[in-house]
C-alpha atoms as a PDB file:
ATOM      1  CA  MET A   1     126.372  94.259 140.022  1.00  0.00           C
ATOM      2  CA  HIS A   2     130.005  93.303 139.990  1.00  0.00           C
ATOM      3  CA  LEU A   3     131.339  95.456 142.835  1.00  0.00           C
ATOM      4  CA  THR A   4     134.676  95.779 143.198  1.00  0.00           C
ATOM      5  CA  VAL A   5     136.278  96.850 146.674  1.00  0.00           C
ATOM      6  CA  PHE A   6     139.704  98.197 146.524  1.00  0.00           C
ATOM      7  CA  SER A   7     141.340  97.327 149.931  1.00  0.00           C
ATOM      8  CA  LYS A   8     144.262  95.814 150.830  1.00  0.00           C
ATOM      9  CA  SER A   9     142.895  93.443 153.053  1.00  0.00           C
ATOM     10  CA  ALA A  10     139.500  91.618 153.010  1.00  0.00           C
ATOM     11  CA  ARG A  11     139.418  90.949 156.792  1.00  0.00           C
ATOM     12  CA  PHE A  12     138.929  94.506 157.075  1.00  0.00           C
ATOM     13  CA  TYR A  13     135.375  94.785 159.779  1.00  0.00           C
ATOM     14  CA  THR A  14     134.050  97.920 157.176  1.00  0.00           C
ATOM     15  CA  VAL A  15     134.770  95.686 153.772  1.00  0.00           C
ATOM     16  CA  ARG A  16     133.485  92.623 155.068  1.00  0.00           C
ATOM     17  CA  ARG A  17     129.767  94.223 155.904  1.00  0.00           C
ATOM     18  CA  ILE A  18     130.023  96.151 152.599  1.00  0.00           C
ATOM     19  CA  ALA A  19     130.561  92.620 150.559  1.00  0.00           C
ATOM     20  CA  GLU A  20     128.177  90.682 153.090  1.00  0.00           C
ATOM     21  CA  SER A  21     125.717  93.272 152.317  1.00  0.00           C
ATOM     22  CA  ALA A  22     126.333  93.544 148.512  1.00  0.00           C
ATOM     23  CA  ARG A  23     126.127  89.194 148.579  1.00  0.00           C
ATOM     24  CA  GLY A  24     123.039  89.066 150.446  1.00  0.00           C
ATOM     25  CA  ARG A  25     121.316  91.692 147.684  1.00  0.00           C
ATOM     26  CA  GLY A  26     122.496  88.959 144.898  1.00  0.00           C
ATOM     27  CA  HIS A  27     125.901  90.904 143.700  1.00  0.00           C
ATOM     28  CA  THR A  28     129.100  89.692 142.883  1.00  0.00           C
ATOM     29  CA  VAL A  29     131.785  91.192 145.286  1.00  0.00           C
ATOM     30  CA  ARG A  30     135.871  90.884 144.576  1.00  0.00           C
ATOM     31  CA  ILE A  31     137.753  92.414 147.079  1.00  0.00           C
ATOM     32  CA  ILE A  32     141.325  93.558 145.752  1.00  0.00           C
ATOM     33  CA  ASP A  33     143.976  95.218 146.933  1.00  0.00           C
ATOM     34  CA  PRO A  34     145.289  97.995 144.365  1.00  0.00           C
ATOM     35  CA  LEU A  35     149.003  97.389 145.110  1.00  0.00           C
ATOM     36  CA  GLN A  36     148.416  94.133 143.117  1.00  0.00           C
ATOM     37  CA  CYS A  37     147.459  95.663 140.166  1.00  0.00           C
ATOM     38  CA  GLU A  38     149.333  96.274 137.155  1.00  0.00           C
ATOM     39  CA  LEU A  39     148.844  99.209 134.491  1.00  0.00           C
ATOM     40  CA  VAL A  40     150.833  99.224 131.397  1.00  0.00           C
ATOM     41  CA  LEU A  41     150.740 102.229 128.799  1.00  0.00           C
ATOM     42  CA  GLY A  42     151.949 102.221 125.440  1.00  0.00           C
ATOM     43  CA  GLY A  43     151.479  99.991 122.473  1.00  0.00           C
ATOM     44  CA  ASP A  44     147.735  99.156 122.099  1.00  0.00           C
ATOM     45  CA  GLY A  45     146.923 101.930 124.321  1.00  0.00           C
ATOM     46  CA  ALA A  46     146.571 101.527 128.673  1.00  0.00           C
ATOM     47  CA  ARG A  47     145.942  97.922 130.130  1.00  0.00           C
ATOM     48  CA  LEU A  48     144.733  97.178 133.332  1.00  0.00           C
ATOM     49  CA  PHE A  49     145.672  93.780 135.203  1.00  0.00           C
ATOM     50  CA  HIS A  50     145.749  92.266 138.451  1.00  0.00           C
ATOM     51  CA  LYS A  51     148.285  89.867 139.518  1.00  0.00           C
ATOM     52  CA  GLY A  52     149.236  89.532 135.752  1.00  0.00           C
ATOM     53  CA  LYS A  53     145.810  88.635 134.343  1.00  0.00           C
ATOM     54  CA  ALA A  54     143.384  91.252 132.417  1.00  0.00           C
ATOM     55  CA  PHE A  55     141.442  93.139 135.173  1.00  0.00           C
ATOM     56  CA  PRO A  56     137.852  91.463 135.954  1.00  0.00           C
ATOM     57  CA  ASN A  57     134.540  92.561 134.708  1.00  0.00           C
ATOM     58  CA  THR A  58     133.453  95.665 137.008  1.00  0.00           C
ATOM     59  CA  SER A  59     130.067  97.646 136.995  1.00  0.00           C
ATOM     60  CA  LEU A  60     131.136  99.691 140.122  1.00  0.00           C
ATOM     61  CA  CYS A  61     134.383 100.336 142.044  1.00  0.00           C
ATOM     62  CA  LEU A  62     134.117 101.209 145.814  1.00  0.00           C
ATOM     63  CA  PRO A  63     138.039 102.734 146.797  1.00  0.00           C
ATOM     64  CA  ARG A  64     139.192 101.850 150.133  1.00  0.00           C
ATOM     65  CA  LEU A  65     142.583 103.286 150.095  1.00  0.00           C
ATOM     66  CA  VAL A  66     145.148 104.256 152.505  1.00  0.00           C
ATOM     67  CA  PRO A  67     147.758 106.819 152.408  1.00  0.00           C
ATOM     68  CA  SER A  68     150.551 104.454 151.834  1.00  0.00           C
ATOM     69  CA  ASN A  69     149.211 103.338 148.662  1.00  0.00           C
ATOM     70  CA  LEU A  70     147.450 106.560 147.417  1.00  0.00           C
ATOM     71  CA  ARG A  71     149.426 107.466 144.413  1.00  0.00           C
ATOM     72  CA  HIS A  72     149.545 103.853 142.855  1.00  0.00           C
ATOM     73  CA  ALA A  73     145.771 103.111 143.993  1.00  0.00           C
ATOM     74  CA  LEU A  74     144.923 106.626 142.272  1.00  0.00           C
ATOM     75  CA  ALA A  75     146.790 105.670 138.858  1.00  0.00           C
ATOM     76  CA  ILE A  76     144.467 102.568 138.727  1.00  0.00           C
ATOM     77  CA  LEU A  77     141.321 104.439 139.896  1.00  0.00           C
ATOM     78  CA  GLU A  78     141.828 106.760 137.199  1.00  0.00           C
ATOM     79  CA  GLN A  79     142.387 104.135 134.327  1.00  0.00           C
ATOM     80  CA  LEU A  80     138.855 102.179 135.677  1.00  0.00           C
ATOM     81  CA  GLU A  81     137.576 105.996 135.426  1.00  0.00           C
ATOM     82  CA  ASP A  82     138.920 106.527 131.746  1.00  0.00           C
ATOM     83  CA  SER A  83     137.483 103.272 130.716  1.00  0.00           C
ATOM     84  CA  GLY A  84     134.174 104.174 131.863  1.00  0.00           C
ATOM     85  CA  VAL A  85     133.469 102.440 135.209  1.00  0.00           C
ATOM     86  CA  PRO A  86     131.583 104.629 137.901  1.00  0.00           C
ATOM     87  CA  MET A  87     133.195 105.328 141.452  1.00  0.00           C
ATOM     88  CA  LEU A  88     131.522 105.133 144.653  1.00  0.00           C
ATOM     89  CA  ASN A  89     134.187 108.148 145.662  1.00  0.00           C
ATOM     90  CA  GLY A  90     136.053 109.643 142.518  1.00  0.00           C
ATOM     91  CA  SER A  91     139.777 109.556 142.032  1.00  0.00           C
ATOM     92  CA  THR A  92     140.117 113.409 142.157  1.00  0.00           C
ATOM     93  CA  ALA A  93     137.352 113.809 145.392  1.00  0.00           C
ATOM     94  CA  ILE A  94     139.485 110.952 147.138  1.00  0.00           C
ATOM     95  CA  ALA A  95     142.886 112.639 146.640  1.00  0.00           C
ATOM     96  CA  ARG A  96     141.738 116.285 147.851  1.00  0.00           C
ATOM     97  CA  SER A  97     140.199 114.691 150.968  1.00  0.00           C
ATOM     98  CA  ARG A  98     143.084 112.523 151.550  1.00  0.00           C
ATOM     99  CA  ASN A  99     145.087 115.923 151.718  1.00  0.00           C
ATOM    100  CA  LYS A 100     144.250 117.180 155.305  1.00  0.00           C
ATOM    101  CA  LEU A 101     145.724 120.469 154.484  1.00  0.00           C
ATOM    102  CA  ARG A 102     144.229 120.740 151.266  1.00  0.00           C
ATOM    103  CA  ALA A 103     140.847 119.655 152.451  1.00  0.00           C
ATOM    104  CA  LEU A 104     140.562 122.144 155.299  1.00  0.00           C
ATOM    105  CA  GLN A 105     141.705 125.032 152.741  1.00  0.00           C
ATOM    106  CA  TRP A 106     138.845 123.708 150.240  1.00  0.00           C
ATOM    107  CA  LEU A 107     136.333 123.933 152.809  1.00  0.00           C
ATOM    108  CA  SER A 108     137.534 126.789 154.481  1.00  0.00           C
ATOM    109  CA  THR A 109     137.463 128.994 150.982  1.00  0.00           C
ATOM    110  CA  ARG A 110     133.848 127.933 150.469  1.00  0.00           C
ATOM    111  CA  GLY A 111     132.524 128.846 153.886  1.00  0.00           C
ATOM    112  CA  VAL A 112     132.848 125.761 155.866  1.00  0.00           C
ATOM    113  CA  PRO A 113     134.063 126.724 159.444  1.00  0.00           C
ATOM    114  CA  VAL A 114     137.000 125.086 160.206  1.00  0.00           C
ATOM    115  CA  PRO A 115     138.986 124.986 163.553  1.00  0.00           C
ATOM    116  CA  SER A 116     142.142 127.440 163.314  1.00  0.00           C
ATOM    117  CA  THR A 117     144.939 126.119 161.665  1.00  0.00           C
ATOM    118  CA  ILE A 118     148.221 127.269 160.835  1.00  0.00           C
ATOM    119  CA  LEU A 119     150.946 126.257 158.476  1.00  0.00           C
ATOM    120  CA  ALA A 120     154.608 127.959 158.474  1.00  0.00           C
ATOM    121  CA  THR A 121     157.692 126.371 158.245  1.00  0.00           C
ATOM    122  CA  SER A 122     159.489 127.570 161.338  1.00  0.00           C
ATOM    123  CA  ALA A 123     159.132 127.567 165.261  1.00  0.00           C
ATOM    124  CA  ASP A 124     158.932 131.207 165.331  1.00  0.00           C
ATOM    125  CA  SER A 125     156.649 132.220 162.590  1.00  0.00           C
ATOM    126  CA  ILE A 126     153.954 129.218 164.210  1.00  0.00           C
ATOM    127  CA  SER A 127     154.709 130.651 167.372  1.00  0.00           C
ATOM    128  CA  ARG A 128     153.802 134.249 166.302  1.00  0.00           C
ATOM    129  CA  MET A 129     150.547 132.715 164.747  1.00  0.00           C
ATOM    130  CA  VAL A 130     149.493 130.639 167.554  1.00  0.00           C
ATOM    131  CA  ALA A 131     149.633 133.691 169.877  1.00  0.00           C
ATOM    132  CA  ARG A 132     147.588 135.818 167.286  1.00  0.00           C
ATOM    133  CA  GLU A 133     145.127 132.957 167.177  1.00  0.00           C
ATOM    134  CA  GLY A 134     144.515 132.795 170.968  1.00  0.00           C
ATOM    135  CA  GLY A 135     147.387 130.713 172.019  1.00  0.00           C
ATOM    136  CA  CYS A 136     147.718 127.044 173.486  1.00  0.00           C
ATOM    137  CA  PRO A 137     147.001 124.306 173.931  1.00  0.00           C
ATOM    138  CA  VAL A 138     147.148 123.365 170.283  1.00  0.00           C
ATOM    139  CA  VAL A 139     147.129 120.036 168.107  1.00  0.00           C
ATOM    140  CA  LEU A 140     150.341 119.523 166.205  1.00  0.00           C
ATOM    141  CA  ARG A 141     149.891 117.283 163.244  1.00  0.00           C
ATOM    142  CA  LEU A 142     152.068 115.866 160.861  1.00  0.00           C
ATOM    143  CA  LEU A 143     151.983 116.408 157.239  1.00  0.00           C
ATOM    144  CA  ARG A 144     153.410 112.774 156.401  1.00  0.00           C
ATOM    145  CA  THR A 145     151.638 109.982 153.965  1.00  0.00           C
ATOM    146  CA  SER A 146     151.034 107.387 156.833  1.00  0.00           C
ATOM    147  CA  GLU A 147     148.428 105.060 157.891  1.00  0.00           C
ATOM    148  CA  LYS A 148     148.583 106.149 161.361  1.00  0.00           C
ATOM    149  CA  GLU A 149     147.994 110.087 162.439  1.00  0.00           C
ATOM    150  CA  ALA A 150     150.841 111.706 164.077  1.00  0.00           C
ATOM    151  CA  VAL A 151     149.394 113.780 166.601  1.00  0.00           C
ATOM    152  CA  MET A 152     150.627 115.593 169.895  1.00  0.00           C
ATOM    153  CA  VAL A 153     148.693 118.095 172.349  1.00  0.00           C
ATOM    154  CA  CYS A 154     150.785 121.093 173.505  1.00  0.00           C
ATOM    155  CA  GLU A 155     149.229 122.534 176.843  1.00  0.00           C
ATOM    156  CA  THR A 156     151.901 125.817 177.094  1.00  0.00           C
ATOM    157  CA  GLU A 157     153.729 127.580 174.418  1.00  0.00           C
ATOM    158  CA  GLN A 158     157.393 125.724 175.860  1.00  0.00           C
ATOM    159  CA  SER A 159     156.334 122.823 175.311  1.00  0.00           C
ATOM    160  CA  MET A 160     154.830 123.662 171.761  1.00  0.00           C
ATOM    161  CA  ARG A 161     158.185 125.436 171.038  1.00  0.00           C
ATOM    162  CA  ALA A 162     160.472 122.028 171.926  1.00  0.00           C
ATOM    163  CA  ALA A 163     157.811 119.696 169.803  1.00  0.00           C
ATOM    164  CA  LEU A 164     158.248 121.800 166.915  1.00  0.00           C
ATOM    165  CA  ASP A 165     161.974 122.472 167.100  1.00  0.00           C
ATOM    166  CA  ALA A 166     162.368 118.867 166.979  1.00  0.00           C
ATOM    167  CA  LEU A 167     159.868 117.535 164.531  1.00  0.00           C
ATOM    168  CA  LEU A 168     160.824 120.643 161.884  1.00  0.00           C
ATOM    169  CA  GLY A 169     164.639 119.913 162.740  1.00  0.00           C
ATOM    170  CA  LEU A 170     163.484 116.333 161.291  1.00  0.00           C
ATOM    171  CA  GLY A 171     162.193 117.558 158.374  1.00  0.00           C
ATOM    172  CA  HIS A 172     158.565 117.014 159.232  1.00  0.00           C
ATOM    173  CA  GLY A 173     156.047 119.520 157.962  1.00  0.00           C
ATOM    174  CA  VAL A 174     153.416 120.319 161.032  1.00  0.00           C
ATOM    175  CA  MET A 175     150.035 121.572 160.843  1.00  0.00           C
ATOM    176  CA  VAL A 176     149.036 123.404 164.037  1.00  0.00           C
ATOM    177  CA  GLN A 177     145.452 123.533 164.980  1.00  0.00           C
ATOM    178  CA  GLN A 178     143.380 125.039 167.766  1.00  0.00           C
ATOM    179  CA  TYR A 179     142.626 122.666 170.827  1.00  0.00           C
ATOM    180  CA  VAL A 180     139.123 122.674 172.211  1.00  0.00           C
ATOM    181  CA  ARG A 181     139.524 121.412 175.950  1.00  0.00           C
ATOM    182  CA  GLU A 182     135.373 121.417 176.672  1.00  0.00           C
ATOM    183  CA  THR A 183     133.048 120.195 173.733  1.00  0.00           C
ATOM    184  CA  ARG A 184     130.100 119.937 175.334  1.00  0.00           C
ATOM    185  CA  GLY A 185     128.974 116.342 174.363  1.00  0.00           C
ATOM    186  CA  ARG A 186     129.649 117.860 170.983  1.00  0.00           C
ATOM    187  CA  ASP A 187     132.516 115.895 169.245  1.00  0.00           C
ATOM    188  CA  VAL A 188     130.750 113.893 166.742  1.00  0.00           C
ATOM    189  CA  ARG A 189     131.442 111.412 163.725  1.00  0.00           C
ATOM    190  CA  ALA A 190     128.565 111.738 161.240  1.00  0.00           C
ATOM    191  CA  LEU A 191     128.191 109.548 158.307  1.00  0.00           C
ATOM    192  CA  VAL A 192     127.423 110.465 155.004  1.00  0.00           C
ATOM    193  CA  VAL A 193     126.119 108.557 151.862  1.00  0.00           C
ATOM    194  CA  GLY A 194     124.723 109.614 148.904  1.00  0.00           C
ATOM    195  CA  GLY A 195     124.530 113.113 150.370  1.00  0.00           C
ATOM    196  CA  HIS A 196     122.665 112.550 153.265  1.00  0.00           C
ATOM    197  CA  VAL A 197     123.614 111.859 156.956  1.00  0.00           C
ATOM    198  CA  LYS A 198     122.710 108.039 157.882  1.00  0.00           C
ATOM    199  CA  ALA A 199     123.997 107.988 161.437  1.00  0.00           C
ATOM    200  CA  SER A 200     125.622 110.125 163.868  1.00  0.00           C
ATOM    201  CA  ALA A 201     127.410 109.266 167.101  1.00  0.00           C
ATOM    202  CA  ARG A 202     129.177 110.796 169.914  1.00  0.00           C
ATOM    203  CA  ARG A 203     132.890 109.956 170.400  1.00  0.00           C
ATOM    204  CA  VAL A 204     133.943 109.165 174.127  1.00  0.00           C
ATOM    205  CA  PRO A 205     137.753 109.410 174.114  1.00  0.00           C
ATOM    206  CA  GLU A 206     139.549 107.515 177.085  1.00  0.00           C
ATOM    207  CA  ILE A 207     139.607 109.562 179.953  1.00  0.00           C
ATOM    208  CA  GLY A 208     142.815 112.082 180.064  1.00  0.00           C
ATOM    209  CA  ARG A 209     143.973 111.053 176.530  1.00  0.00           C
ATOM    210  CA  LEU A 210     143.264 112.814 172.939  1.00  0.00           C
ATOM    211  CA  LYS A 211     142.310 109.678 171.270  1.00  0.00           C
ATOM    212  CA  ARG A 212     139.356 110.076 169.061  1.00  0.00           C
ATOM    213  CA  SER A 213     139.106 106.934 166.972  1.00  0.00           C
ATOM    214  CA  LEU A 214     137.602 103.491 167.814  1.00  0.00           C
ATOM    215  CA  GLY A 215     141.387 101.809 167.665  1.00  0.00           C
ATOM    216  CA  GLN A 216     142.943 104.425 169.771  1.00  0.00           C
ATOM    217  CA  GLY A 217     140.663 103.548 172.881  1.00  0.00           C
ATOM    218  CA  ALA A 218     137.620 106.215 172.114  1.00  0.00           C
ATOM    219  CA  HIS A 219     133.941 104.406 171.733  1.00  0.00           C
ATOM    220  CA  PHE A 220     130.644 105.607 170.256  1.00  0.00           C
ATOM    221  CA  GLU A 221     127.346 106.521 171.638  1.00  0.00           C
ATOM    222  CA  ARG A 222     124.240 107.447 169.335  1.00  0.00           C
ATOM    223  CA  CYS A 223     123.037 111.302 169.127  1.00  0.00           C
ATOM    224  CA  GLU A 224     120.875 112.773 167.151  1.00  0.00           C
ATOM    225  CA  LEU A 225     122.193 116.257 165.239  1.00  0.00           C
ATOM    226  CA  PRO A 226     120.202 119.088 164.797  1.00  0.00           C
ATOM    227  CA  PRO A 227     119.602 120.283 161.207  1.00  0.00           C
ATOM    228  CA  HIS A 228     121.905 122.251 160.543  1.00  0.00           C
ATOM    229  CA  VAL A 229     124.838 120.546 161.452  1.00  0.00           C
ATOM    230  CA  CYS A 230     123.584 117.401 159.705  1.00  0.00           C
ATOM    231  CA  ALA A 231     123.145 120.407 156.860  1.00  0.00           C
ATOM    232  CA  LEU A 232     127.150 121.336 157.681  1.00  0.00           C
ATOM    233  CA  ALA A 233     128.594 117.696 157.495  1.00  0.00           C
ATOM    234  CA  GLU A 234     126.304 116.932 154.054  1.00  0.00           C
ATOM    235  CA  LYS A 235     127.736 120.428 152.461  1.00  0.00           C
ATOM    236  CA  SER A 236     131.090 119.655 153.446  1.00  0.00           C
ATOM    237  CA  VAL A 237     131.284 116.128 151.556  1.00  0.00           C
ATOM    238  CA  GLY A 238     128.914 117.697 148.809  1.00  0.00           C
ATOM    239  CA  LEU A 239     132.085 120.304 148.538  1.00  0.00           C
ATOM    240  CA  LEU A 240     135.114 117.290 148.340  1.00  0.00           C
ATOM    241  CA  GLY A 241     132.819 115.626 145.647  1.00  0.00           C
ATOM    242  CA  LEU A 242     132.635 112.457 147.668  1.00  0.00           C
ATOM    243  CA  ASP A 243     129.496 110.202 147.566  1.00  0.00           C
ATOM    244  CA  LEU A 244     130.379 108.458 151.043  1.00  0.00           C
ATOM    245  CA  ALA A 245     132.441 110.038 153.745  1.00  0.00           C
ATOM    246  CA  SER A 246     132.736 110.445 157.667  1.00  0.00           C
ATOM    247  CA  VAL A 247     132.813 113.979 158.962  1.00  0.00           C
ATOM    248  CA  ASP A 248     133.916 114.390 162.346  1.00  0.00           C
ATOM    249  CA  LEU A 249     132.687 117.655 163.792  1.00  0.00           C
ATOM    250  CA  LEU A 250     133.198 119.749 166.725  1.00  0.00           C
ATOM    251  CA  GLU A 251     131.597 122.177 168.810  1.00  0.00           C
ATOM    252  CA  THR A 252     133.911 125.161 169.850  1.00  0.00           C
ATOM    253  CA  PRO A 253     132.724 128.450 171.374  1.00  0.00           C
ATOM    254  CA  SER A 254     132.204 130.357 168.460  1.00  0.00           C
ATOM    255  CA  GLY A 255     129.949 127.263 166.689  1.00  0.00           C
ATOM    256  CA  VAL A 256     130.716 123.789 165.229  1.00  0.00           C
ATOM    257  CA  CYS A 257     133.314 123.303 162.733  1.00  0.00           C
ATOM    258  CA  VAL A 258     134.711 120.236 160.591  1.00  0.00           C
ATOM    259  CA  LEU A 259     137.857 118.653 161.772  1.00  0.00           C
ATOM    260  CA  GLU A 260     138.265 116.033 159.037  1.00  0.00           C
ATOM    261  CA  VAL A 261     136.696 114.441 156.048  1.00  0.00           C
ATOM    262  CA  ASN A 262     137.001 110.654 155.424  1.00  0.00           C
ATOM    263  CA  SER A 263     136.676 109.148 152.354  1.00  0.00           C
ATOM    264  CA  ALA A 264     137.437 105.747 153.496  1.00  0.00           C
ATOM    265  CA  PRO A 265     134.951 105.583 156.665  1.00  0.00           C
ATOM    266  CA  SER A 266     135.188 102.866 159.328  1.00  0.00           C
ATOM    267  CA  LEU A 267     131.550 101.148 160.486  1.00  0.00           C
ATOM    268  CA  GLN A 268     133.170  99.598 163.130  1.00  0.00           C
ATOM    269  CA  GLY A 269     131.862 101.005 166.119  1.00  0.00           C
ATOM    270  CA  ILE A 270     129.177 103.200 164.937  1.00  0.00           C
ATOM    271  CA  GLU A 271     126.946 100.520 163.689  1.00  0.00           C
ATOM    272  CA  GLY A 272     126.623  99.156 166.894  1.00  0.00           C
ATOM    273  CA  ALA A 273     126.191 102.317 168.229  1.00  0.00           C
ATOM    274  CA  VAL A 274     123.608 103.399 166.225  1.00  0.00           C
ATOM    275  CA  GLY A 275     121.861 100.251 165.553  1.00  0.00           C
ATOM    276  CA  LEU A 276     121.686 100.592 161.798  1.00  0.00           C
ATOM    277  CA  ASP A 277     122.961  98.627 158.822  1.00  0.00           C
ATOM    278  CA  LEU A 278     125.096 101.297 157.331  1.00  0.00           C
ATOM    279  CA  ALA A 279     126.668  98.734 155.059  1.00  0.00           C
ATOM    280  CA  LEU A 280     123.551  98.056 153.213  1.00  0.00           C
ATOM    281  CA  GLU A 281     122.879 102.064 152.983  1.00  0.00           C
ATOM    282  CA  ILE A 282     126.268 101.848 151.230  1.00  0.00           C
ATOM    283  CA  VAL A 283     125.318  98.965 148.714  1.00  0.00           C
ATOM    284  CA  LEU A 284     121.652 100.758 148.384  1.00  0.00           C
ATOM    285  CA  TRP A 285     123.849 103.911 147.121  1.00  0.00           C
ATOM    286  CA  ALA A 286     125.935 101.740 144.888  1.00  0.00           C
ATOM    287  CA  GLU A 287     123.158 100.290 142.678  1.00  0.00           C
ATOM    288  CA  GLU A 288     121.260 103.959 142.767  1.00  0.00           C
ATOM    289  CA  ILE A 289     124.597 104.795 141.010  1.00  0.00           C
ATOM    290  CA  LEU A 290     124.475 102.212 138.233  1.00  0.00           C
ATOM    291  CA  SER A 291     120.529 102.924 137.857  1.00  0.00           C
ATOM    292  CA  ARG A 292     120.979 106.444 136.811  1.00  0.00           C
ATOM    293  CA  ARG A 293     123.546 105.546 134.026  1.00  0.00           C
ATOM    294  CA  PRO A 294     122.114 105.672 130.901  1.00  0.00           C
ATOM    295  CA  SER A 295     120.946 102.450 129.345  1.00  0.00           C
ATOM    296  CA  PRO A 296     124.293 100.843 126.686  1.00  0.00           C
ATOM    297  CA  PRO A 297     122.547 101.364 122.746  1.00  0.00           C
ATOM    298  CA  ARG A 298     121.708  98.592 121.313  1.00  0.00           C
END
């Protein structure tokens, strides 16, 4: 297998681990920054290049895209898909999952429980809807293209109004979500590969701070999910059309809900917490995708 991993850096933990596992199984791995790819249309049709040279032979592509280069990277992926290259996460599924509001819409309308989420264009209308949905505390999330998620917790209506006036006044789109202060240990992340939960871990944020990712001060502890929660994570990933994703889940007074589905999940932290070779699971699924493709005619 000639595996192409789309990533802006080969030094990222997850990219490095996937490359190590694939090479350990005898596969060729190339790590390509999609921003260094060129697409030319017209004349002889569509032509794809990498640093000015013809795009290398690829059996399968594994995209790990960041929001800042999403539009360009998706165009490159779509061209590869049009050329018949299989994807471990296709362009349509990635685009849907990367739009956090659209992903929640997609899941909610298909029966997946999500946190109470409000989108409106003025502080007055948001305040009315927050009061209707149970009041503060709430989480404010900026709807913007950024590699770092901007999140703000507002404990009171006064602090929420002040934050909304500032953010909306600067032209930012804002999504407001219910904030569940007490989660009884059920703030978890599940890694889904090939339609099945391969690992799950409880995320323990730094005391007194809303920091849920490892890079922001949280750490992971292994946990076992009941079958109905595994099924919820697997359903969410399947509805978005993804082969590989992490699902962040939260236990609320009304039951478990899906906070987010990430199409480029990080293995850092969770691998150590669960004691499993999760990079190998991803490589094995890539092999499975290729094994299911019909053989070319002779």
